[in-house]
Structure formats: C-alpha cells, structure tokens
C-alpha cells in the first residue's frame, strides 16, 4: 500500500518542475499545457538516476518517447537542436549531468 500523501507529493513535484521549466519541453522547446507534459529523468532511474529536482525536466510525450530509457547525454549527443534546447532551458539540471551532455557532444565532434 502506498504511503499516505505520496500521490499528492508526486503531483506537487510534477507541478513544481513544470512551472520551473515554464511548461516548456526542454528538448523541443515547445510550450505545452500541463496535461501534455511528462516528467523526464535526465539520468533514468534504471541507470542510477534519482527523483531529485536536479534530475527531472519537463518533456512532451513525443520527446520523452524519443529519448526512451537512454541517459540525456546519449540521446542529445546526436541531436544538436535538442541539445541546444536542453542546455538553454534545462538550467536547473545538476551541473554534472549538463557537463555529461556537453562532453558527449564534444567527443562526437572529435574533440
């Protein structure tokens, strides 16, 4: 059985992240109503990511599906437009995760 208040807390976290990110998908930069956004784990939980605000961003359903269970650095290494949007709008993401995105893109470019 779920802990009392846990569902309400999750809704609050969703709303907090959506507001923080301006109801904008950090990958495609489009604005969406709240019901058309999802929370995306920059570093997926299945790969060691947590539920902290620094690991969560607003993402539209289409971008979240494209990213899938990959870490953001792997998804963004090959998509320059989404990477630019992420670095512009994902300002609250943990610095180490932002660095990983930048480093993966630099490696892909050859330095």
PDB file of N, CA and C in Angstrom:
ATOM      1  N   UNK A   1       0.842  -1.187   0.000  1.00  0.00           N
ATOM      2  CA  UNK A   1       0.000   0.000   0.000  1.00  0.00           C
ATOM      3  C   UNK A   1       0.884   1.246   0.000  1.00  0.00           C
ATOM      4  N   UNK A   2       0.491   2.248  -0.743  1.00  0.00           N
ATOM      5  CA  UNK A   2       1.263   3.497  -0.840  1.00  0.00           C
ATOM      6  C   UNK A   2       1.205   4.259   0.475  1.00  0.00           C
ATOM      7  N   UNK A   3       2.259   4.998   0.728  1.00  0.00           N
ATOM      8  CA  UNK A   3       2.300   5.833   1.924  1.00  0.00           C
ATOM      9  C   UNK A   3       1.285   6.957   1.789  1.00  0.00           C
ATOM     10  N   UNK A   4       0.632   7.324   2.889  1.00  0.00           N
ATOM     11  CA  UNK A   4      -0.319   8.437   2.828  1.00  0.00           C
ATOM     12  C   UNK A   4       0.381   9.708   2.340  1.00  0.00           C
ATOM     13  N   UNK A   5      -0.263  10.393   1.421  1.00  0.00           N
ATOM     14  CA  UNK A   5       0.279  11.659   0.934  1.00  0.00           C
ATOM     15  C   UNK A   5       1.288  11.524  -0.191  1.00  0.00           C
ATOM     16  N   UNK A   6       1.742  10.313  -0.476  1.00  0.00           N
ATOM     17  CA  UNK A   6       2.767  10.141  -1.504  1.00  0.00           C
ATOM     18  C   UNK A   6       2.273  10.590  -2.880  1.00  0.00           C
ATOM     19  N   UNK A   7       1.054  10.217  -3.259  1.00  0.00           N
ATOM     20  CA  UNK A   7       0.495  10.607  -4.556  1.00  0.00           C
ATOM     21  C   UNK A   7       0.394  12.118  -4.646  1.00  0.00           C
ATOM     22  N   UNK A   8      -0.074  12.741  -3.585  1.00  0.00           N
ATOM     23  CA  UNK A   8      -0.190  14.200  -3.564  1.00  0.00           C
ATOM     24  C   UNK A   8       1.190  14.838  -3.705  1.00  0.00           C
ATOM     25  N   UNK A   9       2.201  14.284  -3.043  1.00  0.00           N
ATOM     26  CA  UNK A   9       3.558  14.817  -3.137  1.00  0.00           C
ATOM     27  C   UNK A   9       4.084  14.713  -4.563  1.00  0.00           C
ATOM     28  N   UNK A  10       3.787  13.609  -5.234  1.00  0.00           N
ATOM     29  CA  UNK A  10       4.239  13.428  -6.604  1.00  0.00           C
ATOM     30  C   UNK A  10       3.592  14.477  -7.513  1.00  0.00           C
ATOM     31  N   UNK A  11       2.318  14.730  -7.319  1.00  0.00           N
ATOM     32  CA  UNK A  11       1.659  15.769  -8.115  1.00  0.00           C
ATOM     33  C   UNK A  11       2.307  17.119  -7.866  1.00  0.00           C
ATOM     34  N   UNK A  12       2.625  17.393  -6.636  1.00  0.00           N
ATOM     35  CA  UNK A  12       3.267  18.653  -6.305  1.00  0.00           C
ATOM     36  C   UNK A  12       4.624  18.756  -6.993  1.00  0.00           C
ATOM     37  N   UNK A  13       5.383  17.679  -7.006  1.00  0.00           N
ATOM     38  CA  UNK A  13       6.692  17.683  -7.677  1.00  0.00           C
ATOM     39  C   UNK A  13       6.510  17.916  -9.174  1.00  0.00           C
ATOM     40  N   UNK A  14       5.532  17.252  -9.775  1.00  0.00           N
ATOM     41  CA  UNK A  14       5.274  17.440 -11.210  1.00  0.00           C
ATOM     42  C   UNK A  14       4.961  18.904 -11.499  1.00  0.00           C
ATOM     43  N   UNK A  15       4.034  19.441 -10.719  1.00  0.00           N
ATOM     44  CA  UNK A  15       3.648  20.835 -10.940  1.00  0.00           C
ATOM     45  C   UNK A  15       4.833  21.768 -10.728  1.00  0.00           C
ATOM     46  N   UNK A  16       5.636  21.476  -9.713  1.00  0.00           N
ATOM     47  CA  UNK A  16       6.803  22.318  -9.420  1.00  0.00           C
ATOM     48  C   UNK A  16       7.793  22.297 -10.593  1.00  0.00           C
ATOM     49  N   UNK A  17       8.075  21.122 -11.153  1.00  0.00           N
ATOM     50  CA  UNK A  17       9.018  21.009 -12.268  1.00  0.00           C
ATOM     51  C   UNK A  17       8.443  21.679 -13.511  1.00  0.00           C
ATOM     52  N   UNK A  18       7.166  21.454 -13.791  1.00  0.00           N
ATOM     53  CA  UNK A  18       6.546  22.073 -14.962  1.00  0.00           C
ATOM     54  C   UNK A  18       6.599  23.587 -14.860  1.00  0.00           C
ATOM     55  N   UNK A  19       6.311  24.117 -13.688  1.00  0.00           N
ATOM     56  CA  UNK A  19       6.377  25.578 -13.502  1.00  0.00           C
ATOM     57  C   UNK A  19       7.809  26.075 -13.644  1.00  0.00           C
ATOM     58  N   UNK A  20       8.738  25.362 -13.014  1.00  0.00           N
ATOM     59  CA  UNK A  20      10.150  25.750 -13.086  1.00  0.00           C
ATOM     60  C   UNK A  20      10.614  25.814 -14.538  1.00  0.00           C
ATOM     61  N   UNK A  21      10.199  24.852 -15.349  1.00  0.00           N
ATOM     62  CA  UNK A  21      10.616  24.795 -16.752  1.00  0.00           C
ATOM     63  C   UNK A  21       9.690  25.590 -17.669  1.00  0.00           C
ATOM     64  N   UNK A  22       8.776  26.337 -17.086  1.00  0.00           N
ATOM     65  CA  UNK A  22       7.913  27.223 -17.859  1.00  0.00           C
ATOM     66  C   UNK A  22       6.934  26.499 -18.774  1.00  0.00           C
ATOM     67  N   UNK A  23       6.535  25.266 -18.391  1.00  0.00           N
ATOM     68  CA  UNK A  23       5.621  24.447 -19.196  1.00  0.00           C
ATOM     69  C   UNK A  23       6.163  24.249 -20.609  1.00  0.00           C
ATOM     70  N   UNK A  24       7.489  24.160 -20.689  1.00  0.00           N
ATOM     71  CA  UNK A  24       8.201  24.003 -21.949  1.00  0.00           C
ATOM     72  C   UNK A  24       8.941  22.671 -21.935  1.00  0.00           C
ATOM     73  N   UNK A  25       8.843  21.947 -23.018  1.00  0.00           N
ATOM     74  CA  UNK A  25       9.638  20.737 -23.174  1.00  0.00           C
ATOM     75  C   UNK A  25      11.092  21.184 -23.353  1.00  0.00           C
ATOM     76  N   UNK A  26      11.980  20.697 -22.517  1.00  0.00           N
ATOM     77  CA  UNK A  26      13.375  21.141 -22.608  1.00  0.00           C
ATOM     78  C   UNK A  26      14.093  20.570 -23.823  1.00  0.00           C
ATOM     79  N   UNK A  27      13.489  19.624 -24.516  1.00  0.00           N
ATOM     80  CA  UNK A  27      14.119  19.020 -25.691  1.00  0.00           C
ATOM     81  C   UNK A  27      13.692  19.679 -27.000  1.00  0.00           C
ATOM     82  N   UNK A  28      12.395  19.951 -27.176  1.00  0.00           N
ATOM     83  CA  UNK A  28      11.930  20.569 -28.430  1.00  0.00           C
ATOM     84  C   UNK A  28      11.631  22.056 -28.256  1.00  0.00           C
ATOM     85  N   UNK A  29      11.629  22.550 -27.027  1.00  0.00           N
ATOM     86  CA  UNK A  29      11.435  23.964 -26.676  1.00  0.00           C
ATOM     87  C   UNK A  29      10.008  24.468 -26.905  1.00  0.00           C
ATOM     88  N   UNK A  30       9.070  23.572 -27.183  1.00  0.00           N
ATOM     89  CA  UNK A  30       7.688  23.990 -27.382  1.00  0.00           C
ATOM     90  C   UNK A  30       6.975  24.122 -26.039  1.00  0.00           C
ATOM     91  N   UNK A  31       6.025  25.041 -25.973  1.00  0.00           N
ATOM     92  CA  UNK A  31       5.195  25.210 -24.784  1.00  0.00           C
ATOM     93  C   UNK A  31       4.002  24.263 -24.879  1.00  0.00           C
ATOM     94  N   UNK A  32       3.607  23.683 -23.742  1.00  0.00           N
ATOM     95  CA  UNK A  32       2.502  22.726 -23.696  1.00  0.00           C
ATOM     96  C   UNK A  32       1.647  22.976 -22.467  1.00  0.00           C
ATOM     97  N   UNK A  33       0.358  22.628 -22.546  1.00  0.00           N
ATOM     98  CA  UNK A  33      -0.448  22.619 -21.323  1.00  0.00           C
ATOM     99  C   UNK A  33       0.051  21.484 -20.422  1.00  0.00           C
ATOM    100  N   UNK A  34      -0.170  21.629 -19.149  1.00  0.00           N
ATOM    101  CA  UNK A  34       0.345  20.674 -18.168  1.00  0.00           C
ATOM    102  C   UNK A  34       0.000  19.223 -18.512  1.00  0.00           C
ATOM    103  N   UNK A  35      -1.215  18.983 -18.980  1.00  0.00           N
ATOM    104  CA  UNK A  35      -1.636  17.603 -19.254  1.00  0.00           C
ATOM    105  C   UNK A  35      -0.921  16.979 -20.451  1.00  0.00           C
ATOM    106  N   UNK A  36      -0.204  17.770 -21.218  1.00  0.00           N
ATOM    107  CA  UNK A  36       0.536  17.234 -22.365  1.00  0.00           C
ATOM    108  C   UNK A  36       2.035  17.105 -22.085  1.00  0.00           C
ATOM    109  N   UNK A  37       2.420  17.301 -20.830  1.00  0.00           N
ATOM    110  CA  UNK A  37       3.820  17.167 -20.437  1.00  0.00           C
ATOM    111  C   UNK A  37       4.020  15.933 -19.571  1.00  0.00           C
ATOM    112  N   UNK A  38       5.242  15.437 -19.579  1.00  0.00           N
ATOM    113  CA  UNK A  38       5.652  14.352 -18.697  1.00  0.00           C
ATOM    114  C   UNK A  38       6.884  14.814 -17.935  1.00  0.00           C
ATOM    115  N   UNK A  39       7.178  14.127 -16.865  1.00  0.00           N
ATOM    116  CA  UNK A  39       8.450  14.340 -16.174  1.00  0.00           C
ATOM    117  C   UNK A  39       9.454  13.376 -16.798  1.00  0.00           C
ATOM    118  N   UNK A  40      10.605  13.876 -17.135  1.00  0.00           N
ATOM    119  CA  UNK A  40      11.656  13.014 -17.668  1.00  0.00           C
ATOM    120  C   UNK A  40      12.820  12.990 -16.696  1.00  0.00           C
ATOM    121  N   UNK A  41      13.329  11.800 -16.453  1.00  0.00           N
ATOM    122  CA  UNK A  41      14.540  11.637 -15.646  1.00  0.00           C
ATOM    123  C   UNK A  41      15.731  11.807 -16.590  1.00  0.00           C
ATOM    124  N   UNK A  42      16.514  12.847 -16.393  1.00  0.00           N
ATOM    125  CA  UNK A  42      17.683  13.110 -17.235  1.00  0.00           C
ATOM    126  C   UNK A  42      18.603  11.896 -17.204  1.00  0.00           C
ATOM    127  N   UNK A  43      18.891  11.412 -16.028  1.00  0.00           N
ATOM    128  CA  UNK A  43      19.602  10.142 -15.837  1.00  0.00           C
ATOM    129  C   UNK A  43      18.519   9.164 -15.377  1.00  0.00           C
ATOM    130  N   UNK A  44      18.108   8.233 -16.238  1.00  0.00           N
ATOM    131  CA  UNK A  44      16.995   7.342 -15.891  1.00  0.00           C
ATOM    132  C   UNK A  44      17.219   6.609 -14.574  1.00  0.00           C
ATOM    133  N   UNK A  45      16.124   6.381 -13.868  1.00  0.00           N
ATOM    134  CA  UNK A  45      16.202   5.668 -12.592  1.00  0.00           C
ATOM    135  C   UNK A  45      16.835   4.295 -12.778  1.00  0.00           C
ATOM    136  N   UNK A  46      16.521   3.631 -13.891  1.00  0.00           N
ATOM    137  CA  UNK A  46      17.081   2.295 -14.128  1.00  0.00           C
ATOM    138  C   UNK A  46      18.587   2.336 -14.366  1.00  0.00           C
ATOM    139  N   UNK A  47      19.144   3.525 -14.542  1.00  0.00           N
ATOM    140  CA  UNK A  47      20.590   3.683 -14.741  1.00  0.00           C
ATOM    141  C   UNK A  47      21.228   4.451 -13.580  1.00  0.00           C
ATOM    142  N   UNK A  48      20.508   4.505 -12.450  1.00  0.00           N
ATOM    143  CA  UNK A  48      21.066   5.106 -11.247  1.00  0.00           C
ATOM    144  C   UNK A  48      20.589   6.510 -10.939  1.00  0.00           C
ATOM    145  N   UNK A  49      19.729   7.082 -11.784  1.00  0.00           N
ATOM    146  CA  UNK A  49      19.213   8.422 -11.529  1.00  0.00           C
ATOM    147  C   UNK A  49      18.230   8.429 -10.375  1.00  0.00           C
ATOM    148  N   UNK A  50      18.009   9.597  -9.819  1.00  0.00           N
ATOM    149  CA  UNK A  50      17.097   9.713  -8.693  1.00  0.00           C
ATOM    150  C   UNK A  50      15.897  10.588  -9.059  1.00  0.00           C
ATOM    151  N   UNK A  51      15.061  10.865  -8.068  1.00  0.00           N
ATOM    152  CA  UNK A  51      13.854  11.670  -8.274  1.00  0.00           C
ATOM    153  C   UNK A  51      14.049  13.113  -7.850  1.00  0.00           C
ATOM    154  N   UNK A  52      15.266  13.553  -7.728  1.00  0.00           N
ATOM    155  CA  UNK A  52      15.524  14.923  -7.284  1.00  0.00           C
ATOM    156  C   UNK A  52      15.216  15.911  -8.403  1.00  0.00           C
ATOM    157  N   UNK A  53      14.932  17.138  -8.011  1.00  0.00           N
ATOM    158  CA  UNK A  53      14.616  18.179  -8.993  1.00  0.00           C
ATOM    159  C   UNK A  53      15.741  18.362  -9.999  1.00  0.00           C
ATOM    160  N   UNK A  54      16.978  18.147  -9.599  1.00  0.00           N
ATOM    161  CA  UNK A  54      18.118  18.314 -10.494  1.00  0.00           C
ATOM    162  C   UNK A  54      18.239  17.228 -11.543  1.00  0.00           C
ATOM    163  N   UNK A  55      17.438  16.175 -11.413  1.00  0.00           N
ATOM    164  CA  UNK A  55      17.442  15.086 -12.382  1.00  0.00           C
ATOM    165  C   UNK A  55      16.123  15.015 -13.155  1.00  0.00           C
ATOM    166  N   UNK A  56      15.226  15.953 -12.919  1.00  0.00           N
ATOM    167  CA  UNK A  56      13.916  15.941 -13.566  1.00  0.00           C
ATOM    168  C   UNK A  56      13.733  17.171 -14.440  1.00  0.00           C
ATOM    169  N   UNK A  57      13.132  16.960 -15.603  1.00  0.00           N
ATOM    170  CA  UNK A  57      12.797  18.067 -16.509  1.00  0.00           C
ATOM    171  C   UNK A  57      11.414  17.821 -17.094  1.00  0.00           C
ATOM    172  N   UNK A  58      10.813  18.887 -17.601  1.00  0.00           N
ATOM    173  CA  UNK A  58       9.556  18.776 -18.331  1.00  0.00           C
ATOM    174  C   UNK A  58       9.874  18.329 -19.750  1.00  0.00           C
ATOM    175  N   UNK A  59       9.102  17.363 -20.243  1.00  0.00           N
ATOM    176  CA  UNK A  59       9.274  16.875 -21.617  1.00  0.00           C
ATOM    177  C   UNK A  59       7.904  16.548 -22.193  1.00  0.00           C
ATOM    178  N   UNK A  60       7.737  16.846 -23.467  1.00  0.00           N
ATOM    179  CA  UNK A  60       6.491  16.450 -24.121  1.00  0.00           C
ATOM    180  C   UNK A  60       6.530  14.940 -24.324  1.00  0.00           C
ATOM    181  N   UNK A  61       5.377  14.365 -24.587  1.00  0.00           N
ATOM    182  CA  UNK A  61       5.297  12.909 -24.765  1.00  0.00           C
ATOM    183  C   UNK A  61       6.183  12.428 -25.916  1.00  0.00           C
ATOM    184  N   UNK A  62       6.169  13.160 -27.029  1.00  0.00           N
ATOM    185  CA  UNK A  62       6.950  12.726 -28.202  1.00  0.00           C
ATOM    186  C   UNK A  62       8.447  12.711 -27.893  1.00  0.00           C
ATOM    187  N   UNK A  63       8.953  13.755 -27.267  1.00  0.00           N
ATOM    188  CA  UNK A  63      10.385  13.801 -26.949  1.00  0.00           C
ATOM    189  C   UNK A  63      10.750  12.765 -25.897  1.00  0.00           C
ATOM    190  N   UNK A  64       9.883  12.568 -24.924  1.00  0.00           N
ATOM    191  CA  UNK A  64      10.166  11.575 -23.893  1.00  0.00           C
ATOM    192  C   UNK A  64      10.216  10.181 -24.511  1.00  0.00           C
ATOM    193  N   UNK A  65       9.349   9.892 -25.479  1.00  0.00           N
ATOM    194  CA  UNK A  65       9.395   8.603 -26.183  1.00  0.00           C
ATOM    195  C   UNK A  65      10.680   8.467 -26.998  1.00  0.00           C
ATOM    196  N   UNK A  66      11.077   9.552 -27.686  1.00  0.00           N
ATOM    197  CA  UNK A  66      12.317   9.502 -28.490  1.00  0.00           C
ATOM    198  C   UNK A  66      13.531   9.248 -27.611  1.00  0.00           C
ATOM    199  N   UNK A  67      13.567   9.881 -26.465  1.00  0.00           N
ATOM    200  CA  UNK A  67      14.697   9.701 -25.545  1.00  0.00           C
ATOM    201  C   UNK A  67      14.682   8.294 -24.971  1.00  0.00           C
ATOM    202  N   UNK A  68      13.500   7.813 -24.642  1.00  0.00           N
ATOM    203  CA  UNK A  68      13.373   6.467 -24.092  1.00  0.00           C
ATOM    204  C   UNK A  68      14.105   6.326 -22.768  1.00  0.00           C
ATOM    205  N   UNK A  69      14.748   5.198 -22.584  1.00  0.00           N
ATOM    206  CA  UNK A  69      15.434   4.927 -21.314  1.00  0.00           C
ATOM    207  C   UNK A  69      16.915   5.303 -21.365  1.00  0.00           C
ATOM    208  N   UNK A  70      17.304   6.015 -22.427  1.00  0.00           N
ATOM    209  CA  UNK A  70      18.707   6.434 -22.530  1.00  0.00           C
ATOM    210  C   UNK A  70      18.978   7.617 -21.602  1.00  0.00           C
ATOM    211  N   UNK A  71      20.197   7.745 -21.117  1.00  0.00           N
ATOM    212  CA  UNK A  71      20.571   8.969 -20.407  1.00  0.00           C
ATOM    213  C   UNK A  71      20.525  10.138 -21.393  1.00  0.00           C
ATOM    214  N   UNK A  72      20.272  11.329 -20.892  1.00  0.00           N
ATOM    215  CA  UNK A  72      20.170  12.501 -21.765  1.00  0.00           C
ATOM    216  C   UNK A  72      21.429  12.684 -22.599  1.00  0.00           C
ATOM    217  N   UNK A  73      22.608  12.435 -22.042  1.00  0.00           N
ATOM    218  CA  UNK A  73      23.832  12.647 -22.811  1.00  0.00           C
ATOM    219  C   UNK A  73      23.859  11.765 -24.060  1.00  0.00           C
ATOM    220  N   UNK A  74      23.357  10.530 -23.944  1.00  0.00           N
ATOM    221  CA  UNK A  74      23.352   9.620 -25.098  1.00  0.00           C
ATOM    222  C   UNK A  74      22.331  10.068 -26.137  1.00  0.00           C
ATOM    223  N   UNK A  75      21.179  10.486 -25.692  1.00  0.00           N
ATOM    224  CA  UNK A  75      20.131  10.977 -26.592  1.00  0.00           C
ATOM    225  C   UNK A  75      20.567  12.263 -27.280  1.00  0.00           C
ATOM    226  N   UNK A  76      21.162  13.174 -26.534  1.00  0.00           N
ATOM    227  CA  UNK A  76      21.477  14.507 -27.051  1.00  0.00           C
ATOM    228  C   UNK A  76      22.792  14.578 -27.819  1.00  0.00           C
ATOM    229  N   UNK A  77      23.624  13.565 -27.717  1.00  0.00           N
ATOM    230  CA  UNK A  77      24.907  13.581 -28.433  1.00  0.00           C
ATOM    231  C   UNK A  77      24.700  13.650 -29.934  1.00  0.00           C
ATOM    232  N   UNK A  78      23.579  13.116 -30.421  1.00  0.00           N
ATOM    233  CA  UNK A  78      23.335  13.061 -31.858  1.00  0.00           C
ATOM    234  C   UNK A  78      22.267  14.030 -32.345  1.00  0.00           C
ATOM    235  N   UNK A  79      21.696  14.809 -31.453  1.00  0.00           N
ATOM    236  CA  UNK A  79      20.622  15.731 -31.835  1.00  0.00           C
ATOM    237  C   UNK A  79      21.000  17.143 -31.394  1.00  0.00           C
ATOM    238  N   UNK A  80      21.637  17.881 -32.278  1.00  0.00           N
ATOM    239  CA  UNK A  80      22.171  19.206 -31.935  1.00  0.00           C
ATOM    240  C   UNK A  80      21.079  20.192 -31.516  1.00  0.00           C
ATOM    241  N   UNK A  81      19.935  20.154 -32.173  1.00  0.00           N
ATOM    242  CA  UNK A  81      18.853  21.092 -31.837  1.00  0.00           C
ATOM    243  C   UNK A  81      18.303  20.792 -30.447  1.00  0.00           C
ATOM    244  N   UNK A  82      18.005  19.528 -30.171  1.00  0.00           N
ATOM    245  CA  UNK A  82      17.503  19.154 -28.845  1.00  0.00           C
ATOM    246  C   UNK A  82      18.550  19.459 -27.774  1.00  0.00           C
ATOM    247  N   UNK A  83      19.831  19.246 -28.106  1.00  0.00           N
ATOM    248  CA  UNK A  83      20.913  19.539 -27.153  1.00  0.00           C
ATOM    249  C   UNK A  83      20.959  21.025 -26.827  1.00  0.00           C
ATOM    250  N   UNK A  84      20.873  21.879 -27.856  1.00  0.00           N
ATOM    251  CA  UNK A  84      20.861  23.329 -27.621  1.00  0.00           C
ATOM    252  C   UNK A  84      19.676  23.719 -26.749  1.00  0.00           C
ATOM    253  N   UNK A  85      18.512  23.170 -27.055  1.00  0.00           N
ATOM    254  CA  UNK A  85      17.321  23.480 -26.252  1.00  0.00           C
ATOM    255  C   UNK A  85      17.507  23.031 -24.808  1.00  0.00           C
ATOM    256  N   UNK A  86      18.024  21.812 -24.620  1.00  0.00           N
ATOM    257  CA  UNK A  86      18.245  21.284 -23.280  1.00  0.00           C
ATOM    258  C   UNK A  86      19.190  22.190 -22.489  1.00  0.00           C
ATOM    259  N   UNK A  87      20.287  22.589 -23.112  1.00  0.00           N
ATOM    260  CA  UNK A  87      21.261  23.433 -22.405  1.00  0.00           C
ATOM    261  C   UNK A  87      20.692  24.834 -22.144  1.00  0.00           C
ATOM    262  N   UNK A  88      19.794  25.291 -22.993  1.00  0.00           N
ATOM    263  CA  UNK A  88      19.174  26.609 -22.798  1.00  0.00           C
ATOM    264  C   UNK A  88      18.074  26.571 -21.740  1.00  0.00           C
ATOM    265  N   UNK A  89      17.217  25.543 -21.788  1.00  0.00           N
ATOM    266  CA  UNK A  89      16.041  25.517 -20.916  1.00  0.00           C
ATOM    267  C   UNK A  89      16.165  24.583 -19.718  1.00  0.00           C
ATOM    268  N   UNK A  90      17.099  23.667 -19.738  1.00  0.00           N
ATOM    269  CA  UNK A  90      17.279  22.753 -18.610  1.00  0.00           C
ATOM    270  C   UNK A  90      18.279  23.293 -17.604  1.00  0.00           C
ATOM    271  N   UNK A  91      18.123  24.541 -17.237  1.00  0.00           N
ATOM    272  CA  UNK A  91      19.117  25.219 -16.395  1.00  0.00           C
ATOM    273  C   UNK A  91      19.166  24.698 -14.960  1.00  0.00           C
ATOM    274  N   UNK A  92      18.110  24.039 -14.504  1.00  0.00           N
ATOM    275  CA  UNK A  92      18.085  23.547 -13.123  1.00  0.00           C
ATOM    276  C   UNK A  92      18.623  22.114 -12.999  1.00  0.00           C
ATOM    277  N   UNK A  93      19.032  21.537 -14.109  1.00  0.00           N
ATOM    278  CA  UNK A  93      19.591  20.179 -14.097  1.00  0.00           C
ATOM    279  C   UNK A  93      20.943  20.211 -13.399  1.00  0.00           C
ATOM    280  N   UNK A  94      21.235  19.130 -12.671  1.00  0.00           N
ATOM    281  CA  UNK A  94      22.515  19.055 -11.969  1.00  0.00           C
ATOM    282  C   UNK A  94      23.663  19.385 -12.917  1.00  0.00           C
ATOM    283  N   UNK A  95      24.632  20.183 -12.490  1.00  0.00           N
ATOM    284  CA  UNK A  95      25.762  20.548 -13.348  1.00  0.00           C
ATOM    285  C   UNK A  95      26.510  19.342 -13.921  1.00  0.00           C
ATOM    286  N   UNK A  96      26.674  18.284 -13.166  1.00  0.00           N
ATOM    287  CA  UNK A  96      27.393  17.097 -13.670  1.00  0.00           C
ATOM    288  C   UNK A  96      26.652  16.466 -14.845  1.00  0.00           C
ATOM    289  N   UNK A  97      25.311  16.520 -14.829  1.00  0.00           N
ATOM    290  CA  UNK A  97      24.529  15.962 -15.931  1.00  0.00           C
ATOM    291  C   UNK A  97      24.606  16.854 -17.165  1.00  0.00           C
ATOM    292  N   UNK A  98      24.607  18.159 -16.951  1.00  0.00           N
ATOM    293  CA  UNK A  98      24.768  19.101 -18.072  1.00  0.00           C
ATOM    294  C   UNK A  98      26.148  18.928 -18.707  1.00  0.00           C
ATOM    295  N   UNK A  99      27.180  18.763 -17.860  1.00  0.00           N
ATOM    296  CA  UNK A  99      28.539  18.543 -18.363  1.00  0.00           C
ATOM    297  C   UNK A  99      28.621  17.269 -19.199  1.00  0.00           C
ATOM    298  N   UNK A 100      27.942  16.216 -18.737  1.00  0.00           N
ATOM    299  CA  UNK A 100      27.956  14.951 -19.476  1.00  0.00           C
ATOM    300  C   UNK A 100      27.369  15.139 -20.873  1.00  0.00           C
ATOM    301  N   UNK A 101      26.333  15.956 -20.998  1.00  0.00           N
ATOM    302  CA  UNK A 101      25.730  16.238 -22.307  1.00  0.00           C
ATOM    303  C   UNK A 101      26.736  16.964 -23.192  1.00  0.00           C
ATOM    304  N   UNK A 102      27.390  17.973 -22.636  1.00  0.00           N
ATOM    305  CA  UNK A 102      28.371  18.742 -23.404  1.00  0.00           C
ATOM    306  C   UNK A 102      29.571  17.878 -23.796  1.00  0.00           C
ATOM    307  N   UNK A 103      30.060  17.057 -22.876  1.00  0.00           N
ATOM    308  CA  UNK A 103      31.224  16.211 -23.155  1.00  0.00           C
ATOM    309  C   UNK A 103      30.910  15.168 -24.226  1.00  0.00           C
ATOM    310  N   UNK A 104      29.716  14.584 -24.182  1.00  0.00           N
ATOM    311  CA  UNK A 104      29.340  13.588 -25.194  1.00  0.00           C
ATOM    312  C   UNK A 104      29.284  14.225 -26.576  1.00  0.00           C
ATOM    313  N   UNK A 105      28.777  15.453 -26.654  1.00  0.00           N
ATOM    314  CA  UNK A 105      28.713  16.155 -27.940  1.00  0.00           C
ATOM    315  C   UNK A 105      30.113  16.481 -28.443  1.00  0.00           C
ATOM    316  N   UNK A 106      31.011  16.887 -27.548  1.00  0.00           N
ATOM    317  CA  UNK A 106      32.387  17.197 -27.947  1.00  0.00           C
ATOM    318  C   UNK A 106      33.102  15.944 -28.456  1.00  0.00           C
ATOM    319  N   UNK A 107      32.903  14.819 -27.772  1.00  0.00           N
ATOM    320  CA  UNK A 107      33.530  13.561 -28.220  1.00  0.00           C
ATOM    321  C   UNK A 107      33.018  13.190 -29.599  1.00  0.00           C
ATOM    322  N   UNK A 108      31.739  13.370 -29.802  1.00  0.00           N
ATOM    323  CA  UNK A 108      31.131  13.012 -31.095  1.00  0.00           C
ATOM    324  C   UNK A 108      31.716  13.891 -32.208  1.00  0.00           C
ATOM    325  N   UNK A 109      31.993  15.149 -31.880  1.00  0.00           N
ATOM    326  CA  UNK A 109      32.569  16.067 -32.870  1.00  0.00           C
ATOM    327  C   UNK A 109      34.061  15.841 -33.055  1.00  0.00           C
ATOM    328  N   UNK A 110      34.640  15.059 -32.165  1.00  0.00           N
ATOM    329  CA  UNK A 110      36.062  14.764 -32.286  1.00  0.00           C
ATOM    330  C   UNK A 110      36.956  15.660 -31.451  1.00  0.00           C
ATOM    331  N   UNK A 111      36.382  16.192 -30.369  1.00  0.00           N
ATOM    332  CA  UNK A 111      37.271  16.935 -29.506  1.00  0.00           C
ATOM    333  C   UNK A 111      36.685  18.169 -29.021  1.00  0.00           C
TER     334      UNK A 111
END
